[in-house]
Structures are given as C-alpha cells and as structure tokens.
C-alpha atoms as a PDB file:
ATOM      1  CA  MET A   1     137.649  55.303  42.939  1.00  0.00           C
ATOM      2  CA  PRO A   2     139.514  58.515  42.064  1.00  0.00           C
ATOM      3  CA  ARG A   3     140.861  60.406  45.102  1.00  0.00           C
ATOM      4  CA  VAL A   4     138.714  63.471  44.468  1.00  0.00           C
ATOM      5  CA  HIS A   5     135.573  61.308  44.404  1.00  0.00           C
ATOM      6  CA  ARG A   6     136.560  59.721  47.719  1.00  0.00           C
ATOM      7  CA  ILE A   7     136.928  63.191  49.309  1.00  0.00           C
ATOM      8  CA  PHE A   8     133.477  64.274  48.110  1.00  0.00           C
ATOM      9  CA  LEU A   9     131.994  60.998  49.429  1.00  0.00           C
ATOM     10  CA  VAL A  10     133.509  61.531  52.909  1.00  0.00           C
ATOM     11  CA  VAL A  11     132.273  65.123  53.022  1.00  0.00           C
ATOM     12  CA  ALA A  12     128.783  64.012  52.005  1.00  0.00           C
ATOM     13  CA  LEU A  13     128.690  61.322  54.696  1.00  0.00           C
ATOM     14  CA  ILE A  14     129.759  63.798  57.390  1.00  0.00           C
ATOM     15  CA  ALA A  15     127.114  66.292  56.287  1.00  0.00           C
ATOM     16  CA  ALA A  16     124.433  63.626  56.315  1.00  0.00           C
ATOM     17  CA  SER A  17     125.353  62.390  59.798  1.00  0.00           C
ATOM     18  CA  GLY A  18     125.773  65.888  61.269  1.00  0.00           C
ATOM     19  CA  PRO A  19     122.221  66.404  62.548  1.00  0.00           C
ATOM     20  CA  ALA A  20     122.202  62.959  64.175  1.00  0.00           C
ATOM     21  CA  LEU A  21     125.534  63.596  65.869  1.00  0.00           C
ATOM     22  CA  TYR A  22     124.331  67.016  67.047  1.00  0.00           C
ATOM     23  CA  SER A  23     121.084  65.631  68.467  1.00  0.00           C
ATOM     24  CA  GLN A  24     123.063  63.094  70.497  1.00  0.00           C
ATOM     25  CA  GLN A  25     125.398  65.752  71.905  1.00  0.00           C
ATOM     26  CA  ALA A  26     122.710  68.363  72.655  1.00  0.00           C
ATOM     27  CA  PRO A  27     119.380  66.728  73.525  1.00  0.00           C
ATOM     28  CA  ALA A  28     116.293  68.851  73.952  1.00  0.00           C
ATOM     29  CA  PRO A  29     115.687  70.225  77.484  1.00  0.00           C
ATOM     30  CA  VAL A  30     113.595  67.942  79.691  1.00  0.00           C
ATOM     31  CA  LYS A  31     110.472  69.252  81.426  1.00  0.00           C
ATOM     32  CA  VAL A  32     110.758  68.713  85.178  1.00  0.00           C
ATOM     33  CA  THR A  33     108.480  68.986  88.197  1.00  0.00           C
ATOM     34  CA  ALA A  34     109.270  70.410  91.620  1.00  0.00           C
ATOM     35  CA  GLY A  35     109.906  66.920  92.972  1.00  0.00           C
ATOM     36  CA  ASP A  36     112.689  66.350  90.450  1.00  0.00           C
ATOM     37  CA  LEU A  37     114.900  69.102  91.891  1.00  0.00           C
ATOM     38  CA  THR A  38     116.393  69.972  95.243  1.00  0.00           C
ATOM     39  CA  PRO A  39     115.540  73.451  96.576  1.00  0.00           C
ATOM     40  CA  GLU A  40     119.089  74.530  95.707  1.00  0.00           C
ATOM     41  CA  GLN A  41     118.733  73.289  92.124  1.00  0.00           C
ATOM     42  CA  MET A  42     115.347  74.942  91.726  1.00  0.00           C
ATOM     43  CA  GLU A  43     116.652  78.263  93.044  1.00  0.00           C
ATOM     44  CA  GLN A  44     119.652  78.148  90.717  1.00  0.00           C
ATOM     45  CA  PHE A  45     117.362  77.406  87.786  1.00  0.00           C
ATOM     46  CA  LEU A  46     115.039  80.319  88.536  1.00  0.00           C
ATOM     47  CA  LEU A  47     117.987  82.669  88.990  1.00  0.00           C
ATOM     48  CA  THR A  48     119.906  81.761  85.842  1.00  0.00           C
ATOM     49  CA  ALA A  49     117.724  80.003  83.235  1.00  0.00           C
ATOM     50  CA  LYS A  50     116.843  81.905  80.069  1.00  0.00           C
ATOM     51  CA  VAL A  51     113.344  82.953  79.074  1.00  0.00           C
ATOM     52  CA  VAL A  52     112.417  81.092  75.877  1.00  0.00           C
ATOM     53  CA  ALA A  53     108.713  81.987  75.673  1.00  0.00           C
ATOM     54  CA  LYS A  54     106.247  84.394  77.284  1.00  0.00           C
ATOM     55  CA  LYS A  55     102.509  84.872  77.512  1.00  0.00           C
ATOM     56  CA  LYS A  56     100.214  86.936  79.722  1.00  0.00           C
ATOM     57  CA  ALA A  57      98.728  84.967  82.597  1.00  0.00           C
ATOM     58  CA  ASN A  58      94.969  84.524  82.364  1.00  0.00           C
ATOM     59  CA  LYS A  59      93.984  85.424  85.933  1.00  0.00           C
ATOM     60  CA  GLY A  60      94.672  88.237  88.345  1.00  0.00           C
ATOM     61  CA  VAL A  61      94.525  92.017  88.228  1.00  0.00           C
ATOM     62  CA  THR A  62      98.271  92.505  88.585  1.00  0.00           C
ATOM     63  CA  ASP A  63     100.214  92.391  85.316  1.00  0.00           C
ATOM     64  CA  THR A  64     101.662  88.906  85.381  1.00  0.00           C
ATOM     65  CA  ILE A  65     103.625  87.032  82.754  1.00  0.00           C
ATOM     66  CA  ARG A  66     103.801  83.271  82.463  1.00  0.00           C
ATOM     67  CA  ALA A  67     107.175  82.431  80.972  1.00  0.00           C
ATOM     68  CA  THR A  68     108.953  79.255  79.954  1.00  0.00           C
ATOM     69  CA  PHE A  69     112.522  79.070  81.246  1.00  0.00           C
ATOM     70  CA  SER A  70     115.305  76.767  80.078  1.00  0.00           C
ATOM     71  CA  ASP A  71     118.942  76.310  81.063  1.00  0.00           C
ATOM     72  CA  GLY A  72     119.613  74.027  78.122  1.00  0.00           C
ATOM     73  CA  LYS A  73     119.112  70.874  80.171  1.00  0.00           C
ATOM     74  CA  ILE A  74     115.736  71.317  81.832  1.00  0.00           C
ATOM     75  CA  ILE A  75     112.678  73.419  81.087  1.00  0.00           C
ATOM     76  CA  HIS A  76     109.828  74.704  83.244  1.00  0.00           C
ATOM     77  CA  ASP A  77     107.368  77.572  83.485  1.00  0.00           C
ATOM     78  CA  ALA A  78     107.515  80.372  86.043  1.00  0.00           C
ATOM     79  CA  GLN A  79     105.571  83.512  86.856  1.00  0.00           C
ATOM     80  CA  ILE A  80     107.206  86.911  86.285  1.00  0.00           C
ATOM     81  CA  GLN A  81     105.916  89.838  88.335  1.00  0.00           C
ATOM     82  CA  THR A  82     107.476  93.307  88.232  1.00  0.00           C
ATOM     83  CA  VAL A  83     104.643  95.312  89.792  1.00  0.00           C
ATOM     84  CA  ASP A  84     105.854  97.771  92.448  1.00  0.00           C
ATOM     85  CA  ILE A  85     103.163 100.310  93.299  1.00  0.00           C
ATOM     86  CA  HIS A  86     102.862 102.502  96.388  1.00  0.00           C
ATOM     87  CA  GLN A  87      99.922 104.859  96.819  1.00  0.00           C
ATOM     88  CA  THR A  88      99.156 106.967  99.873  1.00  0.00           C
ATOM     89  CA  VAL A  89      95.447 106.375  99.262  1.00  0.00           C
ATOM     90  CA  PHE A  90      94.091 103.627  97.027  1.00  0.00           C
ATOM     91  CA  ASN A  91      90.495 104.116  95.875  1.00  0.00           C
ATOM     92  CA  GLY A  92      89.042 100.716  95.188  1.00  0.00           C
ATOM     93  CA  GLY A  93      85.476 100.946  96.454  1.00  0.00           C
ATOM     94  CA  ARG A  94      85.120  98.580  99.375  1.00  0.00           C
ATOM     95  CA  ALA A  95      88.811  97.713  99.002  1.00  0.00           C
ATOM     96  CA  SER A  96      89.998 101.308  99.449  1.00  0.00           C
ATOM     97  CA  GLU A  97      92.925 101.640 101.833  1.00  0.00           C
ATOM     98  CA  VAL A  98      95.654 103.970 103.071  1.00  0.00           C
ATOM     99  CA  ASN A  99      99.334 103.239 102.413  1.00  0.00           C
ATOM    100  CA  PHE A 100      98.500 100.826  99.605  1.00  0.00           C
ATOM    101  CA  ARG A 101     101.256  98.607  98.227  1.00  0.00           C
ATOM    102  CA  ASP A 102     101.214  96.116  95.402  1.00  0.00           C
ATOM    103  CA  THR A 103     104.717  94.794  94.913  1.00  0.00           C
ATOM    104  CA  TYR A 104     106.650  91.828  93.571  1.00  0.00           C
ATOM    105  CA  ARG A 105     108.702  91.941  96.790  1.00  0.00           C
ATOM    106  CA  TYR A 106     105.910  90.336  98.771  1.00  0.00           C
ATOM    107  CA  ASN A 107     105.857  87.196  96.636  1.00  0.00           C
ATOM    108  CA  ILE A 108     109.489  86.639  97.575  1.00  0.00           C
ATOM    109  CA  GLY A 109     108.886  87.585 101.194  1.00  0.00           C
ATOM    110  CA  GLY A 110     105.887  85.265 101.419  1.00  0.00           C
ATOM    111  CA  TYR A 111     107.920  82.309 100.172  1.00  0.00           C
ATOM    112  CA  ARG A 112     110.828  82.969 102.510  1.00  0.00           C
ATOM    113  CA  LEU A 113     108.590  83.441 105.553  1.00  0.00           C
ATOM    114  CA  ALA A 114     106.708  80.231 104.750  1.00  0.00           C
ATOM    115  CA  ARG A 115     110.028  78.402 104.532  1.00  0.00           C
ATOM    116  CA  MET A 116     111.055  79.759 107.942  1.00  0.00           C
ATOM    117  CA  LEU A 117     107.808  78.359 109.347  1.00  0.00           C
ATOM    118  CA  GLY A 118     108.337  74.928 107.815  1.00  0.00           C
ATOM    119  CA  MET A 119     105.541  75.377 105.266  1.00  0.00           C
ATOM    120  CA  ARG A 120     106.113  73.734 101.898  1.00  0.00           C
ATOM    121  CA  ASN A 121     103.015  74.891 100.032  1.00  0.00           C
ATOM    122  CA  VAL A 122     104.099  78.382  98.986  1.00  0.00           C
ATOM    123  CA  PRO A 123     105.966  78.158  95.669  1.00  0.00           C
ATOM    124  CA  MET A 124     109.581  79.242  95.504  1.00  0.00           C
ATOM    125  CA  SER A 125     110.029  82.854  94.440  1.00  0.00           C
ATOM    126  CA  VAL A 126     113.376  84.544  93.791  1.00  0.00           C
ATOM    127  CA  LYS A 127     114.481  88.096  93.079  1.00  0.00           C
ATOM    128  CA  ARG A 128     115.937  88.655  89.642  1.00  0.00           C
ATOM    129  CA  ILE A 129     116.263  91.369  87.002  1.00  0.00           C
ATOM    130  CA  ILE A 130     114.181  90.675  83.890  1.00  0.00           C
ATOM    131  CA  ASP A 131     114.241  93.079  80.936  1.00  0.00           C
ATOM    132  CA  GLY A 132     115.928  95.683  83.109  1.00  0.00           C
ATOM    133  CA  LYS A 133     113.347  95.496  85.924  1.00  0.00           C
ATOM    134  CA  ASP A 134     113.484  93.964  89.399  1.00  0.00           C
ATOM    135  CA  ALA A 135     111.121  91.016  89.411  1.00  0.00           C
ATOM    136  CA  ALA A 136     109.824  88.070  91.405  1.00  0.00           C
ATOM    137  CA  ILE A 137     110.311  84.827  89.496  1.00  0.00           C
ATOM    138  CA  THR A 138     107.967  82.217  90.968  1.00  0.00           C
ATOM    139  CA  TRP A 139     107.849  78.509  90.166  1.00  0.00           C
ATOM    140  CA  TRP A 140     104.690  77.591  88.252  1.00  0.00           C
ATOM    141  CA  ILE A 141     102.658  74.954  90.092  1.00  0.00           C
ATOM    142  CA  ASP A 142     102.327  71.624  88.279  1.00  0.00           C
ATOM    143  CA  ASP A 143      99.382  69.225  88.226  1.00  0.00           C
ATOM    144  CA  VAL A 144      96.708  71.702  89.316  1.00  0.00           C
ATOM    145  CA  GLN A 145      93.253  70.126  89.242  1.00  0.00           C
ATOM    146  CA  PHE A 146      91.333  73.273  90.223  1.00  0.00           C
ATOM    147  CA  ASP A 147      91.396  76.457  92.277  1.00  0.00           C
ATOM    148  CA  GLU A 148      89.237  77.041  95.348  1.00  0.00           C
ATOM    149  CA  VAL A 149      86.219  77.812  93.170  1.00  0.00           C
ATOM    150  CA  GLY A 150      86.574  74.422  91.527  1.00  0.00           C
ATOM    151  CA  ARG A 151      87.085  72.661  94.858  1.00  0.00           C
ATOM    152  CA  LEU A 152      83.878  74.053  96.310  1.00  0.00           C
ATOM    153  CA  LYS A 153      81.998  72.919  93.224  1.00  0.00           C
ATOM    154  CA  ASN A 154      83.560  69.471  93.408  1.00  0.00           C
ATOM    155  CA  LYS A 155      81.564  66.733  95.121  1.00  0.00           C
ATOM    156  CA  PRO A 156      82.803  65.848  97.651  1.00  0.00           C
ATOM    157  CA  SER A 157      84.579  69.166  98.135  1.00  0.00           C
ATOM    158  CA  GLN A 158      86.790  67.777 100.921  1.00  0.00           C
ATOM    159  CA  GLY A 159      88.513  65.256  98.659  1.00  0.00           C
ATOM    160  CA  PRO A 160      89.586  61.714  99.602  1.00  0.00           C
ATOM    161  CA  ASP A 161      90.931  62.797 103.020  1.00  0.00           C
ATOM    162  CA  PRO A 162      88.585  65.420 104.515  1.00  0.00           C
ATOM    163  CA  GLU A 163      90.649  65.784 107.688  1.00  0.00           C
ATOM    164  CA  ARG A 164      93.828  66.619 105.756  1.00  0.00           C
ATOM    165  CA  THR A 165      91.928  69.085 103.585  1.00  0.00           C
ATOM    166  CA  ALA A 166      90.458  70.854 106.627  1.00  0.00           C
ATOM    167  CA  LYS A 167      93.868  71.047 108.318  1.00  0.00           C
ATOM    168  CA  GLN A 168      95.398  72.652 105.243  1.00  0.00           C
ATOM    169  CA  VAL A 169      92.659  75.286 105.241  1.00  0.00           C
ATOM    170  CA  TYR A 170      93.299  76.059 108.933  1.00  0.00           C
ATOM    171  CA  VAL A 171      97.010  76.531 108.189  1.00  0.00           C
ATOM    172  CA  ARG A 172      96.169  78.839 105.289  1.00  0.00           C
ATOM    173  CA  LEU A 173      93.968  81.008 107.504  1.00  0.00           C
ATOM    174  CA  ILE A 174      96.793  81.431 110.023  1.00  0.00           C
ATOM    175  CA  PHE A 175      99.331  82.292 107.339  1.00  0.00           C
ATOM    176  CA  ASP A 176      97.036  84.869 105.763  1.00  0.00           C
ATOM    177  CA  GLU A 177      96.514  86.529 109.145  1.00  0.00           C
ATOM    178  CA  LEU A 178     100.261  86.547 109.766  1.00  0.00           C
ATOM    179  CA  ILE A 179     101.016  88.307 106.465  1.00  0.00           C
ATOM    180  CA  GLN A 180      97.725  90.215 106.608  1.00  0.00           C
ATOM    181  CA  ASN A 181      96.750  89.150 103.122  1.00  0.00           C
ATOM    182  CA  ARG A 182      93.712  91.266 102.331  1.00  0.00           C
ATOM    183  CA  ASP A 183      93.732  90.210  98.703  1.00  0.00           C
ATOM    184  CA  ARG A 184      93.299  86.470  99.158  1.00  0.00           C
ATOM    185  CA  ASN A 185      90.742  85.204  96.671  1.00  0.00           C
ATOM    186  CA  GLN A 186      89.657  81.791  95.494  1.00  0.00           C
ATOM    187  CA  GLY A 187      91.693  82.103  92.309  1.00  0.00           C
ATOM    188  CA  ASN A 188      95.011  82.093  94.148  1.00  0.00           C
ATOM    189  CA  LEU A 189      94.270  78.997  96.196  1.00  0.00           C
ATOM    190  CA  LEU A 190      95.294  76.053  94.014  1.00  0.00           C
ATOM    191  CA  TRP A 191      94.643  72.360  94.650  1.00  0.00           C
ATOM    192  CA  THR A 192      96.930  69.879  92.929  1.00  0.00           C
ATOM    193  CA  ASN A 193      95.928  66.350  91.952  1.00  0.00           C
ATOM    194  CA  ASP A 194      97.232  64.979  95.264  1.00  0.00           C
ATOM    195  CA  TRP A 195      94.918  67.397  97.116  1.00  0.00           C
ATOM    196  CA  THR A 196      97.691  69.677  98.339  1.00  0.00           C
ATOM    197  CA  LEU A 197      96.695  73.322  98.815  1.00  0.00           C
ATOM    198  CA  TRP A 198      99.138  75.823  97.290  1.00  0.00           C
ATOM    199  CA  LEU A 199      99.099  79.501  98.247  1.00  0.00           C
ATOM    200  CA  ILE A 200     100.112  81.851  95.434  1.00  0.00           C
ATOM    201  CA  ASP A 201     100.227  85.570  94.590  1.00  0.00           C
ATOM    202  CA  HIS A 202     101.026  87.630  97.679  1.00  0.00           C
ATOM    203  CA  THR A 203     101.799  90.989  96.052  1.00  0.00           C
ATOM    204  CA  ARG A 204      99.118  92.751  98.131  1.00  0.00           C
ATOM    205  CA  ALA A 205      99.917  91.123 101.457  1.00  0.00           C
ATOM    206  CA  PHE A 206     102.155  92.298 104.320  1.00  0.00           C
ATOM    207  CA  ARG A 207      99.951  95.211 105.373  1.00  0.00           C
ATOM    208  CA  LEU A 208     100.957  97.161 108.466  1.00  0.00           C
ATOM    209  CA  GLY A 209      97.794  96.492 110.462  1.00  0.00           C
ATOM    210  CA  THR A 210      98.284  95.184 113.997  1.00  0.00           C
ATOM    211  CA  THR A 211      94.916  93.505 114.509  1.00  0.00           C
ATOM    212  CA  LEU A 212      93.648  90.164 113.256  1.00  0.00           C
ATOM    213  CA  MET A 213      91.282  90.376 110.292  1.00  0.00           C
ATOM    214  CA  LYS A 214      88.954  87.455 111.043  1.00  0.00           C
ATOM    215  CA  PRO A 215      89.855  85.864 114.392  1.00  0.00           C
ATOM    216  CA  GLU A 216      86.553  83.980 114.444  1.00  0.00           C
ATOM    217  CA  GLN A 217      87.894  81.759 111.628  1.00  0.00           C
ATOM    218  CA  LEU A 218      90.985  80.767 113.621  1.00  0.00           C
ATOM    219  CA  ILE A 219      89.620  77.623 115.217  1.00  0.00           C
ATOM    220  CA  ARG A 220      92.495  75.134 115.111  1.00  0.00           C
ATOM    221  CA  ALA A 221      96.263  75.261 114.573  1.00  0.00           C
ATOM    222  CA  ASP A 222      99.117  72.981 113.612  1.00  0.00           C
ATOM    223  CA  ARG A 223     101.414  72.375 116.607  1.00  0.00           C
ATOM    224  CA  ARG A 224     104.596  72.681 114.550  1.00  0.00           C
ATOM    225  CA  LEU A 225     103.410  75.901 112.942  1.00  0.00           C
ATOM    226  CA  LEU A 226     102.576  77.403 116.321  1.00  0.00           C
ATOM    227  CA  ASP A 227     106.023  76.455 117.655  1.00  0.00           C
ATOM    228  CA  ALA A 228     107.664  77.961 114.576  1.00  0.00           C
ATOM    229  CA  LEU A 229     105.687  81.176 115.075  1.00  0.00           C
ATOM    230  CA  ARG A 230     106.948  81.410 118.648  1.00  0.00           C
ATOM    231  CA  GLY A 231     110.512  81.091 117.353  1.00  0.00           C
ATOM    232  CA  LEU A 232     110.338  84.004 114.912  1.00  0.00           C
ATOM    233  CA  THR A 233     112.643  86.910 115.742  1.00  0.00           C
ATOM    234  CA  LEU A 234     113.273  90.220 114.036  1.00  0.00           C
ATOM    235  CA  GLU A 235     116.943  89.320 113.709  1.00  0.00           C
ATOM    236  CA  ALA A 236     116.237  86.025 111.938  1.00  0.00           C
ATOM    237  CA  MET A 237     113.593  87.545 109.672  1.00  0.00           C
ATOM    238  CA  THR A 238     115.875  90.438 108.749  1.00  0.00           C
ATOM    239  CA  LYS A 239     118.625  88.007 107.819  1.00  0.00           C
ATOM    240  CA  GLU A 240     116.278  85.922 105.691  1.00  0.00           C
ATOM    241  CA  MET A 241     114.029  88.625 104.221  1.00  0.00           C
ATOM    242  CA  GLY A 242     115.736  91.979 104.767  1.00  0.00           C
ATOM    243  CA  ASP A 243     116.675  92.467 101.118  1.00  0.00           C
ATOM    244  CA  VAL A 244     113.022  92.427 100.027  1.00  0.00           C
ATOM    245  CA  MET A 245     111.112  93.555 103.133  1.00  0.00           C
ATOM    246  CA  LEU A 246     111.123  96.802 105.108  1.00  0.00           C
ATOM    247  CA  LYS A 247     111.788  96.755 108.842  1.00  0.00           C
ATOM    248  CA  LEU A 248     108.340  98.129 109.675  1.00  0.00           C
ATOM    249  CA  GLU A 249     106.751  95.351 107.569  1.00  0.00           C
ATOM    250  CA  LEU A 250     108.650  92.713 109.522  1.00  0.00           C
ATOM    251  CA  GLU A 251     107.769  94.355 112.824  1.00  0.00           C
ATOM    252  CA  ALA A 252     104.083  94.274 111.849  1.00  0.00           C
ATOM    253  CA  VAL A 253     104.397  90.527 111.129  1.00  0.00           C
ATOM    254  CA  LEU A 254     105.775  89.975 114.623  1.00  0.00           C
ATOM    255  CA  GLN A 255     102.981  92.019 116.211  1.00  0.00           C
ATOM    256  CA  ARG A 256     100.393  89.880 114.442  1.00  0.00           C
ATOM    257  CA  ARG A 257     102.345  86.781 115.447  1.00  0.00           C
ATOM    258  CA  ASP A 258     101.931  87.787 119.076  1.00  0.00           C
ATOM    259  CA  LEU A 259      98.175  88.164 118.563  1.00  0.00           C
ATOM    260  CA  LEU A 260      97.959  84.737 116.932  1.00  0.00           C
ATOM    261  CA  ILE A 261      99.818  83.069 119.803  1.00  0.00           C
ATOM    262  CA  LYS A 262      97.594  84.813 122.332  1.00  0.00           C
ATOM    263  CA  HIS A 263      94.460  83.870 120.394  1.00  0.00           C
ATOM    264  CA  PHE A 264      95.256  80.150 120.361  1.00  0.00           C
ATOM    265  CA  GLU A 265      96.495  80.063 123.937  1.00  0.00           C
ATOM    266  CA  GLU A 266      93.159  81.543 125.012  1.00  0.00           C
ATOM    267  CA  ARG A 267      91.253  78.989 122.934  1.00  0.00           C
ATOM    268  CA  ILE A 268      93.223  76.176 124.542  1.00  0.00           C
ATOM    269  CA  SER A 269      92.511  77.541 128.023  1.00  0.00           C
ATOM    270  CA  ARG A 270      88.771  77.671 127.254  1.00  0.00           C
ATOM    271  CA  THR A 271      88.594  74.178 125.737  1.00  0.00           C
ATOM    272  CA  SER A 272      91.596  71.857 125.640  1.00  0.00           C
ATOM    273  CA  GLU A 273      94.848  71.435 123.768  1.00  0.00           C
ATOM    274  CA  GLY A 274      93.519  68.393 121.947  1.00  0.00           C
ATOM    275  CA  ALA A 275      90.499  70.328 120.697  1.00  0.00           C
ATOM    276  CA  VAL A 276      92.622  73.126 119.249  1.00  0.00           C
ATOM    277  CA  LEU A 277      95.971  71.707 118.158  1.00  0.00           C
ATOM    278  CA  PHE A 278      96.699  69.080 115.519  1.00  0.00           C
ATOM    279  CA  THR A 279      99.686  67.666 113.659  1.00  0.00           C
ATOM    280  CA  MET A 280      99.812  67.725 109.888  1.00  0.00           C
END
C-alpha cells in the first residue's frame, strides 16, 4: 500500500475511534441520592457544581427555581431561592403581620439549627451566589411519595409504623415552635417512600415572637431533642449561624427554647416522664 494511503487510513481509524475513546475518558455524570454522599461531599457539590438546567418549581408562593446541578461526575437537583424581602407591615388578610420577612437566609438557618439539634430531616441548604444574587441552594428531596395532603388521604395515613409516624410529627411541631414557622403548610411537609418526614421551605420562619403559637399541640417530645435544646447557647448558634442570622433572631430562638423546656417540664410534673418523653 502506498505510504500516502497508509497515512489516510490511520487518520480515518483515529477519527472513527475518537467518540468511543472520549466516552471512556469522560463518562456522563451519575445521578446520586443523599445516601450516596457524605455531608462534606454534598456540601461541596452544592457550593461548586454548575447549573445545567432550570425550571420554575410548581408549588409555593415564593419564587423558587428547581435546578439540575452537575460537577462533571455526579448530577442532582436542588432548589434555588433568592427571595429577601423585609416589610414593616405585610398586608396578607389573616396572615398580616408587622416586621415581615421572607428570606433565603432562613432556609440555611433552618438546616444549620436542625443539624445542631441532631435532626436529619431538614435538607441541606448552603449559601451561594447564583446569577449575581445571594441564594440558598437546597438539596432536592428524592423518593417523595406524597406531601402531607397526600398522607392524610392515604389509608392508613399513619403508614406501616404508626408510632414512628406520630413521633416524627411531634418532633416537627417542636421544631416549628422553636423557629416560629408561621408559614408551615401541608405542601412543605414531604413523606418519602420509607415514611420519613422531611421539613422544607423555611423562608418565612424565625419570627421574633416570644410566645408559643400552639402549645396545646405539644404533647410529647423526643428525649434527645429536648437535651439538645437545653444545650443551645447564643455563642454556639452565632458560630454556626451568624453569617445568615441576625443576633435578635437567634435570641428569639433561645427565648422560645426556654418556653419549650418549661412547657415539657410542666407536662412531666403533671403526668410522668414516660407519658411525655420518647426516643426516636
């Protein structure tokens, strides 16, 4: 074979094999779940992965974007929230309030506070700049079977382990009192296929009120959660949350913490420890 023909043949073979070689060296990103990553890996992903697709989330009144993130190796969806509203008076009918705030900061604060309390059912949320705006980037929950509306319609609504389901609801009620979440609705209570309750969307929480909203609903408490509440200090919370939370917001959390501790201590004194406390 003439030399020039051999050169063209080699070039043709390289061109033909190029896509195959490239696909072996750079495989497509793999979709992961929360259980596939350590907290450190998940945080790094949310902080550095690139947005490869966006769409408006279906639910909620706050402008929320559901985005697909990829770092070239793994891929997963996350929620982007940039809302940061402060109004002296918010006119919302029955929901009207003074010193109204609706801010991405509280999604991050809610996650970090839950972590301090040993709770693992508030999705990770990190602070990051997206399209020139400060934002909360929150891990999108996998394997959701329904929200609270769907659970209550489900028969049986307590799932395969009614006691575990009830305990999770009691924990949720305590957490919502602690962060004074006046915007909790059934659409931001998600139940995954393993019947774990996930608490999402806290942009309208962390009010400054120093009374409990619905103490009559606070019937039982997790022992470990109560111990963790007792251990909260302004110093520790400032270290963990000070970059996204104001001092007066943290002080209000601690005032409500004191009310929660008092509430359950009084319930125990009226009944018994066994009737009030449980272990998850």
